[in-house]
């Protein structure tokens, strides 16, 4: 199946302020930042890679206007940096309407040979980092009194077993559980929390950390016979961030064509 046409903008996030982690480069976070801007939002993008973040921010600002794009490096394993990111967003735009927690770390390691530090690193970035950012965003949205939306990035691997992925699968299953439980707490503050669960979205970082053989095998499992483009996952994030999903919270939405 061929890749569908890139969607036209419909103003779904007009005048919305969005904070996006791991948003530098050509992955899901970068695609989400672009789609948010196309839909009328202003964005604060962050990433642990300062050079790539600067380049991404400059590119987006040149295309959409410097007044709609701000950037601050952030390592989501560091609570002080997470707090600084959200303080920066408030200082720049005065409020936060949407937070997209996209930061994560994968890789392939058999459990029998996995050292503790490798397990801890994946859990700290992928699960604990999502918790830190969800907590920071929720506190601000609660205190604003105007509600908000948080969208976390999970993975189908949180539901389905795959060799060599025990650390990543555990982290992503944790993101799903975190999303469901935090959503119940957030509802009283008019904050919705949902997650997307992609199967295979191809981007340069994934190619670096995954063998060609495994990528080929994973692609063969998809009913469409191809991987997702990052912007196809970003489209679902846009939906969850918009008013079109106003009655959804605590949900994990699969963005996948994998065979049942």
Protein backbone atom coordinates (compact mmCIF):
# COMPACT_ATOMS: atom_id res chain seq x y z
CA UNK A 1 0.00 0.00 0.00
CA UNK A 2 1.30 3.45 -0.89
CA UNK A 3 1.72 6.23 1.67
CA UNK A 4 -1.38 8.46 1.74
CA UNK A 5 -1.24 12.14 0.94
CA UNK A 6 -0.03 14.48 3.65
CA UNK A 7 -3.11 16.00 5.36
CA UNK A 8 -4.12 19.60 4.89
CA UNK A 9 -4.36 21.79 7.96
CA UNK A 10 -7.80 22.35 9.48
CA UNK A 11 -7.04 24.72 12.36
CA UNK A 12 -7.59 22.06 15.02
CA UNK A 13 -5.18 23.68 17.50
CA UNK A 14 -5.62 27.37 16.72
CA UNK A 15 -4.21 29.60 19.51
CA UNK A 16 -3.11 26.56 21.53
CA UNK A 17 0.21 26.39 23.43
CA UNK A 18 1.91 22.99 23.16
CA UNK A 19 5.03 21.64 24.90
CA UNK A 20 6.68 18.66 23.16
CA UNK A 21 9.60 16.59 24.44
CA UNK A 22 12.12 14.79 22.19
CA UNK A 23 11.01 17.04 19.35
CA UNK A 24 14.27 17.56 17.47
CA UNK A 25 14.94 15.75 14.22
CA UNK A 26 12.72 13.67 11.96
CA UNK A 27 10.97 11.36 14.44
CA UNK A 28 7.49 11.41 15.95
CA UNK A 29 8.27 14.41 18.18
CA UNK A 30 9.54 16.49 15.27
CA UNK A 31 6.55 15.51 13.14
CA UNK A 32 4.23 16.42 16.01
CA UNK A 33 5.78 19.86 16.40
CA UNK A 34 5.31 20.54 12.70
CA UNK A 35 1.73 19.28 12.66
CA UNK A 36 0.88 21.37 15.75
CA UNK A 37 2.20 24.48 14.04
CA UNK A 38 0.32 23.65 10.85
CA UNK A 39 -2.87 23.32 12.90
CA UNK A 40 -2.42 26.79 14.40
CA UNK A 41 -0.57 26.15 17.68
CA UNK A 42 2.50 27.78 19.12
CA UNK A 43 5.08 25.30 20.42
CA UNK A 44 7.84 24.89 22.94
CA UNK A 45 10.07 22.07 21.76
CA UNK A 46 12.71 20.33 23.82
CA UNK A 47 15.28 17.60 23.36
CA UNK A 48 18.39 16.32 25.11
CA UNK A 49 20.39 16.89 21.90
CA UNK A 50 21.09 20.62 21.89
CA UNK A 51 22.54 20.89 18.37
CA UNK A 52 19.63 19.07 16.76
CA UNK A 53 17.17 21.05 18.85
CA UNK A 54 18.66 24.36 17.75
CA UNK A 55 18.55 23.32 14.10
CA UNK A 56 14.93 22.14 14.40
CA UNK A 57 13.83 25.32 16.16
CA UNK A 58 15.49 27.51 13.54
CA UNK A 59 13.88 25.58 10.71
CA UNK A 60 10.40 25.74 12.24
CA UNK A 61 10.74 29.41 13.19
CA UNK A 62 11.77 30.31 9.65
CA UNK A 63 8.71 28.55 8.26
CA UNK A 64 6.04 29.41 10.84
CA UNK A 65 7.36 32.55 12.52
CA UNK A 66 9.80 33.07 15.38
CA UNK A 67 7.01 34.20 17.70
CA UNK A 68 5.35 30.78 17.52
CA UNK A 69 8.41 28.60 18.23
CA UNK A 70 10.54 28.40 21.35
CA UNK A 71 13.07 25.77 22.38
CA UNK A 72 14.89 24.67 25.51
CA UNK A 73 17.14 21.63 25.98
CA UNK A 74 15.77 19.14 28.49
CA UNK A 75 16.94 15.79 29.78
CA UNK A 76 13.76 14.19 31.12
CA UNK A 77 15.77 12.15 33.66
CA UNK A 78 16.62 15.42 35.45
CA UNK A 79 13.76 16.90 37.51
CA UNK A 80 15.35 20.37 37.57
CA UNK A 81 15.53 20.43 33.77
CA UNK A 82 11.90 19.29 33.48
CA UNK A 83 10.83 22.08 35.85
CA UNK A 84 12.92 24.57 33.88
CA UNK A 85 11.25 23.51 30.63
CA UNK A 86 7.76 24.14 31.93
CA UNK A 87 8.78 27.38 33.62
CA UNK A 88 10.22 28.48 30.29
CA UNK A 89 6.98 27.64 28.49
CA UNK A 90 4.96 29.67 31.00
CA UNK A 91 7.35 32.61 30.82
CA UNK A 92 7.27 32.57 27.02
CA UNK A 93 3.58 32.04 26.29
CA UNK A 94 1.80 32.62 29.62
CA UNK A 95 0.06 29.24 29.79
CA UNK A 96 0.26 25.62 28.67
CA UNK A 97 -2.69 23.97 26.95
CA UNK A 98 -1.18 20.70 25.71
CA UNK A 99 1.83 18.59 26.72
CA UNK A 100 3.11 15.84 24.45
CA UNK A 101 5.47 13.50 26.30
CA UNK A 102 7.40 11.81 23.54
CA UNK A 103 10.85 11.13 25.05
CA UNK A 104 11.86 7.48 25.17
CA UNK A 105 14.80 5.13 24.74
CA UNK A 106 14.75 1.68 23.17
CA UNK A 107 17.26 -0.86 21.95
CA UNK A 108 17.61 -4.63 21.81
CA UNK A 109 19.05 -6.50 24.80
CA UNK A 110 18.34 -10.05 25.92
CA UNK A 111 17.42 -10.01 29.60
CA UNK A 112 19.89 -12.76 30.51
CA UNK A 113 22.82 -10.53 29.55
CA UNK A 114 21.33 -7.13 30.40
CA UNK A 115 23.24 -5.10 33.01
CA UNK A 116 21.30 -3.13 35.59
CA UNK A 117 22.43 0.21 34.19
CA UNK A 118 20.97 -0.58 30.77
CA UNK A 119 17.61 -1.54 32.30
CA UNK A 120 17.65 1.53 34.54
CA UNK A 121 18.46 3.89 31.66
CA UNK A 122 15.55 2.71 29.52
CA UNK A 123 13.12 2.83 32.46
CA UNK A 124 14.35 6.24 33.62
CA UNK A 125 13.95 7.93 30.23
CA UNK A 126 10.90 6.14 28.92
CA UNK A 127 8.75 5.67 32.03
CA UNK A 128 10.14 7.94 34.74
CA UNK A 129 10.69 10.77 32.25
CA UNK A 130 7.08 10.52 31.12
CA UNK A 131 5.98 10.60 34.76
CA UNK A 132 8.08 13.69 35.50
CA UNK A 133 6.70 15.57 32.50
CA UNK A 134 3.12 14.46 33.14
CA UNK A 135 3.42 15.60 36.75
CA UNK A 136 4.89 18.97 35.81
CA UNK A 137 2.26 19.64 33.15
CA UNK A 138 -0.60 18.52 35.39
CA UNK A 139 0.45 20.82 38.23
CA UNK A 140 0.46 23.81 35.90
CA UNK A 141 -2.83 22.90 34.23
CA UNK A 142 -4.45 22.40 37.63
CA UNK A 143 -3.25 25.76 38.90
CA UNK A 144 -4.28 27.55 35.67
CA UNK A 145 -7.85 26.45 36.27
CA UNK A 146 -8.52 26.25 32.53
CA UNK A 147 -7.95 22.54 31.97
CA UNK A 148 -5.61 21.02 29.42
CA UNK A 149 -4.52 17.93 27.58
CA UNK A 150 -1.59 15.56 28.05
CA UNK A 151 -0.66 13.00 25.40
CA UNK A 152 1.91 10.31 26.19
CA UNK A 153 3.76 8.15 23.69
CA UNK A 154 3.45 4.45 24.49
CA UNK A 155 3.98 1.52 22.09
CA UNK A 156 2.21 -1.64 20.98
CA UNK A 157 5.13 -3.45 22.59
CA UNK A 158 3.48 -2.60 25.92
CA UNK A 159 0.83 -5.13 24.89
CA UNK A 160 2.75 -7.60 22.71
CA UNK A 161 5.84 -9.67 23.45
CA UNK A 162 9.04 -9.27 21.46
CA UNK A 163 12.41 -10.87 22.11
CA UNK A 164 15.08 -8.54 23.42
CA UNK A 165 12.60 -5.86 24.48
CA UNK A 166 11.87 -6.64 28.13
CA UNK A 167 13.13 -3.24 29.34
CA UNK A 168 11.36 -1.20 26.67
CA UNK A 169 8.15 -3.26 26.90
CA UNK A 170 8.06 -2.89 30.68
CA UNK A 171 8.59 0.86 30.36
CA UNK A 172 5.89 1.31 27.72
CA UNK A 173 3.41 -0.87 29.63
CA UNK A 174 4.16 1.41 32.56
CA UNK A 175 3.40 4.47 30.43
CA UNK A 176 0.01 2.95 29.60
CA UNK A 177 -0.78 2.29 33.27
CA UNK A 178 0.47 5.74 34.28
CA UNK A 179 -1.78 7.30 31.64
CA UNK A 180 -4.88 5.47 32.85
CA UNK A 181 -4.35 6.19 36.56
CA UNK A 182 -3.23 9.81 36.16
CA UNK A 183 -6.24 10.46 33.92
CA UNK A 184 -8.63 9.63 36.76
CA UNK A 185 -6.83 12.05 39.07
CA UNK A 186 -6.68 14.77 36.41
CA UNK A 187 -10.36 14.64 35.45
CA UNK A 188 -11.41 16.77 38.42
CA UNK A 189 -9.12 19.52 37.10
CA UNK A 190 -10.62 19.29 33.58
CA UNK A 191 -7.39 17.79 32.27
CA UNK A 192 -7.50 14.88 29.85
CA UNK A 193 -4.62 12.38 29.64
CA UNK A 194 -4.39 9.85 26.81
CA UNK A 195 -1.65 7.98 24.99
CA UNK A 196 -0.81 6.85 21.48
CA UNK A 197 0.58 3.36 20.94
CA UNK A 198 2.47 3.13 17.63
CA UNK A 199 3.70 -0.12 16.15
CA UNK A 200 6.39 0.86 13.65
CA UNK A 201 7.08 4.46 12.64
CA UNK A 202 10.32 4.77 10.71
CA UNK A 203 12.79 7.54 11.52
CA UNK A 204 16.59 7.93 11.52
CA UNK A 205 17.13 7.14 15.22
CA UNK A 206 15.19 3.88 14.95
CA UNK A 207 17.37 2.83 12.03
CA UNK A 208 20.48 3.49 14.13
CA UNK A 209 19.41 1.31 17.07
CA UNK A 210 17.61 -1.50 15.19
CA UNK A 211 19.03 -4.08 12.81
CA UNK A 212 17.91 -4.12 9.18
CA UNK A 213 16.72 -7.70 9.64
CA UNK A 214 14.47 -6.81 12.57
CA UNK A 215 13.04 -3.76 10.80
CA UNK A 216 12.24 -5.94 7.78
CA UNK A 217 10.56 -8.51 10.02
CA UNK A 218 8.52 -5.87 11.84
CA UNK A 219 7.44 -4.30 8.57
CA UNK A 220 6.25 -7.67 7.30
CA UNK A 221 3.84 -7.88 10.25
CA UNK A 222 2.00 -4.74 9.18
CA UNK A 223 -1.23 -5.31 7.25
CA UNK A 224 -0.43 -2.41 4.92
CA UNK A 225 2.97 -3.91 4.12
CA UNK A 226 4.77 -0.73 5.15
CA UNK A 227 5.81 1.17 8.27
CA UNK A 228 4.04 4.33 9.42
CA UNK A 229 5.38 7.75 8.57
CA UNK A 230 6.04 9.78 11.76
CA UNK A 231 3.40 12.30 10.70
CA UNK A 232 0.79 9.54 10.65
CA UNK A 233 1.37 9.01 14.37
CA UNK A 234 1.45 12.79 14.87
CA UNK A 235 -2.01 13.01 13.28
CA UNK A 236 -3.45 10.87 16.07
CA UNK A 237 -1.64 12.98 18.67
CA UNK A 238 -3.24 16.06 17.10
CA UNK A 239 -6.65 14.40 17.37
CA UNK A 240 -6.10 13.60 21.06
CA UNK A 241 -4.88 17.15 21.70
CA UNK A 242 -7.88 18.71 19.97
CA UNK A 243 -11.50 19.25 20.94
CA UNK A 244 -12.48 16.33 18.71
CA UNK A 245 -11.47 13.96 21.53
CA UNK A 246 -13.21 15.93 24.29
CA UNK A 247 -14.81 12.84 25.89
CA UNK A 248 -11.69 10.70 25.89
CA UNK A 249 -9.39 10.28 28.86
CA UNK A 250 -7.31 7.40 30.19
CA UNK A 251 -7.30 5.82 26.73
CA UNK A 252 -4.39 4.24 24.86
CA UNK A 253 -5.00 4.53 21.12
CA UNK A 254 -3.21 2.04 18.91
CA UNK A 255 -1.62 3.58 15.81
CA UNK A 256 -0.87 0.32 14.08
CA UNK A 257 -1.74 -1.95 11.18
CA UNK A 258 -0.20 -5.03 12.75
CA UNK A 259 -1.91 -8.34 12.11
CA UNK A 260 -4.12 -9.49 14.97
